[in-house]
Amino acid sequence: MNVANWPIVIVESPYAGDIEANLAYAREACANCLTRGEIPYASHLFFPQFLDDLQPVEREIGMTAGYAFWKYASKVVFYIDRGWSNGMVRAHERTIELAINSEIRCL
């Protein structure tokens, strides 16, 4: 198994609200990607470790920085079992605007 050749996917799932449950769900979504032979990247598991999502400027920095990784991915996958957050809606609109391959998934 040559994991280095697996496609990279951007994982979008809710963060705001029940943060602990949403982080657990994001980790499950990433694990699901691995079972599909994909390398997941979920910026909302990374940036909130040092940026405050409740501060609008820091939230915007984190979201924009997360978008910088999109150019390395084969697609953006939206895990929707816990609904659509505002950030997910924004990301989905961005995939449409930029004609980026996307997929909607449930666990």
C-alpha atoms as a PDB file:
ATOM      1  CA  MET A   1       0.000   0.000   0.000  1.00  0.00           C
ATOM      2  CA  ASN A   2       1.568   3.269  -1.125  1.00  0.00           C
ATOM      3  CA  VAL A   3      -0.272   5.872   0.928  1.00  0.00           C
ATOM      4  CA  ALA A   4       1.886   8.626  -0.585  1.00  0.00           C
ATOM      5  CA  ASN A   5      -0.036   8.150  -3.842  1.00  0.00           C
ATOM      6  CA  TRP A   6      -3.474   8.463  -2.275  1.00  0.00           C
ATOM      7  CA  PRO A   7      -5.438  11.575  -3.262  1.00  0.00           C
ATOM      8  CA  ILE A   8      -5.671  14.402  -0.753  1.00  0.00           C
ATOM      9  CA  VAL A   9      -9.180  15.544   0.172  1.00  0.00           C
ATOM     10  CA  ILE A  10     -10.308  18.582   2.114  1.00  0.00           C
ATOM     11  CA  VAL A  11     -12.722  17.643   4.903  1.00  0.00           C
ATOM     12  CA  GLU A  12     -15.521  20.079   5.724  1.00  0.00           C
ATOM     13  CA  SER A  13     -17.726  19.395   8.740  1.00  0.00           C
ATOM     14  CA  PRO A  14     -19.261  21.592  11.467  1.00  0.00           C
ATOM     15  CA  TYR A  15     -17.044  23.204  14.084  1.00  0.00           C
ATOM     16  CA  ALA A  16     -19.124  25.863  15.862  1.00  0.00           C
ATOM     17  CA  GLY A  17     -21.853  24.941  18.322  1.00  0.00           C
ATOM     18  CA  ASP A  18     -21.112  21.737  20.225  1.00  0.00           C
ATOM     19  CA  ILE A  19     -17.387  22.015  19.564  1.00  0.00           C
ATOM     20  CA  GLU A  20     -16.344  18.831  21.392  1.00  0.00           C
ATOM     21  CA  ALA A  21     -18.922  16.681  19.577  1.00  0.00           C
ATOM     22  CA  ASN A  22     -18.119  18.392  16.272  1.00  0.00           C
ATOM     23  CA  LEU A  23     -14.379  17.788  16.714  1.00  0.00           C
ATOM     24  CA  ALA A  24     -15.058  14.120  17.450  1.00  0.00           C
ATOM     25  CA  TYR A  25     -17.196  13.976  14.297  1.00  0.00           C
ATOM     26  CA  ALA A  26     -14.439  15.652  12.244  1.00  0.00           C
ATOM     27  CA  ARG A  27     -11.971  13.027  13.456  1.00  0.00           C
ATOM     28  CA  GLU A  28     -14.426  10.286  12.433  1.00  0.00           C
ATOM     29  CA  ALA A  29     -14.819  11.925   9.023  1.00  0.00           C
ATOM     30  CA  CYS A  30     -11.039  11.973   8.577  1.00  0.00           C
ATOM     31  CA  ALA A  31     -10.823   8.315   9.572  1.00  0.00           C
ATOM     32  CA  ASN A  32     -13.562   7.563   7.027  1.00  0.00           C
ATOM     33  CA  CYS A  33     -11.465   9.224   4.325  1.00  0.00           C
ATOM     34  CA  LEU A  34      -8.545   6.950   5.171  1.00  0.00           C
ATOM     35  CA  THR A  35     -10.765   3.880   4.787  1.00  0.00           C
ATOM     36  CA  ARG A  36     -11.581   5.186   1.278  1.00  0.00           C
ATOM     37  CA  GLY A  37      -7.910   5.446   0.363  1.00  0.00           C
ATOM     38  CA  GLU A  38      -7.769   9.225   0.751  1.00  0.00           C
ATOM     39  CA  ILE A  39      -5.500  11.506   2.774  1.00  0.00           C
ATOM     40  CA  PRO A  40      -7.737  13.929   4.706  1.00  0.00           C
ATOM     41  CA  TYR A  41      -6.985  17.523   5.627  1.00  0.00           C
ATOM     42  CA  ALA A  42      -9.375  19.265   8.022  1.00  0.00           C
ATOM     43  CA  SER A  43      -8.272  22.827   8.777  1.00  0.00           C
ATOM     44  CA  HIS A  44     -10.821  23.074  11.605  1.00  0.00           C
ATOM     45  CA  LEU A  45      -8.896  20.377  13.474  1.00  0.00           C
ATOM     46  CA  PHE A  46      -5.702  22.425  13.142  1.00  0.00           C
ATOM     47  CA  PHE A  47      -6.192  26.196  13.207  1.00  0.00           C
ATOM     48  CA  PRO A  48      -8.457  26.462  16.304  1.00  0.00           C
ATOM     49  CA  GLN A  49      -5.544  25.101  18.321  1.00  0.00           C
ATOM     50  CA  PHE A  50      -3.936  28.548  18.108  1.00  0.00           C
ATOM     51  CA  LEU A  51      -6.590  30.831  16.582  1.00  0.00           C
ATOM     52  CA  ASP A  52      -9.758  31.847  18.451  1.00  0.00           C
ATOM     53  CA  ASP A  53     -12.785  30.954  16.333  1.00  0.00           C
ATOM     54  CA  LEU A  54     -14.891  33.386  18.378  1.00  0.00           C
ATOM     55  CA  GLN A  55     -12.748  36.327  17.240  1.00  0.00           C
ATOM     56  CA  PRO A  56     -13.933  37.350  13.747  1.00  0.00           C
ATOM     57  CA  VAL A  57     -10.478  38.363  12.489  1.00  0.00           C
ATOM     58  CA  GLU A  58      -8.870  35.145  13.709  1.00  0.00           C
ATOM     59  CA  ARG A  59     -11.730  33.052  12.324  1.00  0.00           C
ATOM     60  CA  GLU A  60     -11.286  34.692   8.926  1.00  0.00           C
ATOM     61  CA  ILE A  61      -7.523  34.088   9.009  1.00  0.00           C
ATOM     62  CA  GLY A  62      -8.107  30.411   9.803  1.00  0.00           C
ATOM     63  CA  MET A  63     -10.703  29.939   7.080  1.00  0.00           C
ATOM     64  CA  THR A  64      -8.623  31.723   4.462  1.00  0.00           C
ATOM     65  CA  ALA A  65      -5.490  29.824   5.469  1.00  0.00           C
ATOM     66  CA  GLY A  66      -7.460  26.581   5.175  1.00  0.00           C
ATOM     67  CA  TYR A  67      -8.436  27.494   1.624  1.00  0.00           C
ATOM     68  CA  ALA A  68      -4.726  27.726   0.736  1.00  0.00           C
ATOM     69  CA  PHE A  69      -4.534  23.932   1.011  1.00  0.00           C
ATOM     70  CA  TRP A  70      -7.342  23.362  -1.490  1.00  0.00           C
ATOM     71  CA  LYS A  71      -4.932  23.531  -4.447  1.00  0.00           C
ATOM     72  CA  TYR A  72      -3.311  20.292  -3.257  1.00  0.00           C
ATOM     73  CA  ALA A  73      -6.585  18.351  -3.018  1.00  0.00           C
ATOM     74  CA  SER A  74      -8.474  16.272  -5.535  1.00  0.00           C
ATOM     75  CA  LYS A  75     -11.795  17.377  -4.022  1.00  0.00           C
ATOM     76  CA  VAL A  76     -13.579  18.905  -1.058  1.00  0.00           C
ATOM     77  CA  VAL A  77     -15.799  16.499   0.884  1.00  0.00           C
ATOM     78  CA  PHE A  78     -18.668  17.727   3.040  1.00  0.00           C
ATOM     79  CA  TYR A  79     -19.710  15.473   5.922  1.00  0.00           C
ATOM     80  CA  ILE A  80     -23.252  16.516   6.776  1.00  0.00           C
ATOM     81  CA  ASP A  81     -24.594  14.144   9.459  1.00  0.00           C
ATOM     82  CA  ARG A  82     -24.399  17.036  11.954  1.00  0.00           C
ATOM     83  CA  GLY A  83     -25.790  19.590   9.502  1.00  0.00           C
ATOM     84  CA  TRP A  84     -24.301  22.493   7.579  1.00  0.00           C
ATOM     85  CA  SER A  85     -22.438  25.203   9.462  1.00  0.00           C
ATOM     86  CA  ASN A  86     -22.046  28.722   8.061  1.00  0.00           C
ATOM     87  CA  GLY A  87     -18.416  27.910   7.272  1.00  0.00           C
ATOM     88  CA  MET A  88     -19.447  24.792   5.369  1.00  0.00           C
ATOM     89  CA  VAL A  89     -22.009  26.737   3.354  1.00  0.00           C
ATOM     90  CA  ARG A  90     -19.348  29.303   2.511  1.00  0.00           C
ATOM     91  CA  ALA A  91     -16.918  26.554   1.477  1.00  0.00           C
ATOM     92  CA  HIS A  92     -19.577  24.847  -0.643  1.00  0.00           C
ATOM     93  CA  GLU A  93     -20.389  28.114  -2.394  1.00  0.00           C
ATOM     94  CA  ARG A  94     -16.659  28.530  -3.043  1.00  0.00           C
ATOM     95  CA  THR A  95     -16.439  25.085  -4.668  1.00  0.00           C
ATOM     96  CA  ILE A  96     -19.286  26.061  -6.995  1.00  0.00           C
ATOM     97  CA  GLU A  97     -17.816  29.481  -7.789  1.00  0.00           C
ATOM     98  CA  LEU A  98     -14.358  28.038  -8.550  1.00  0.00           C
ATOM     99  CA  ALA A  99     -15.652  24.809 -10.172  1.00  0.00           C
ATOM    100  CA  ILE A 100     -13.821  22.662  -7.613  1.00  0.00           C
ATOM    101  CA  ASN A 101     -14.742  18.987  -7.409  1.00  0.00           C
ATOM    102  CA  SER A 102     -16.807  18.291  -4.285  1.00  0.00           C
ATOM    103  CA  GLU A 103     -18.802  15.500  -2.707  1.00  0.00           C
ATOM    104  CA  ILE A 104     -21.417  15.323   0.043  1.00  0.00           C
ATOM    105  CA  ARG A 105     -21.058  12.406   2.452  1.00  0.00           C
ATOM    106  CA  CYS A 106     -22.607  10.915   5.550  1.00  0.00           C
ATOM    107  CA  LEU A 107     -20.955   8.512   7.967  1.00  0.00           C
END
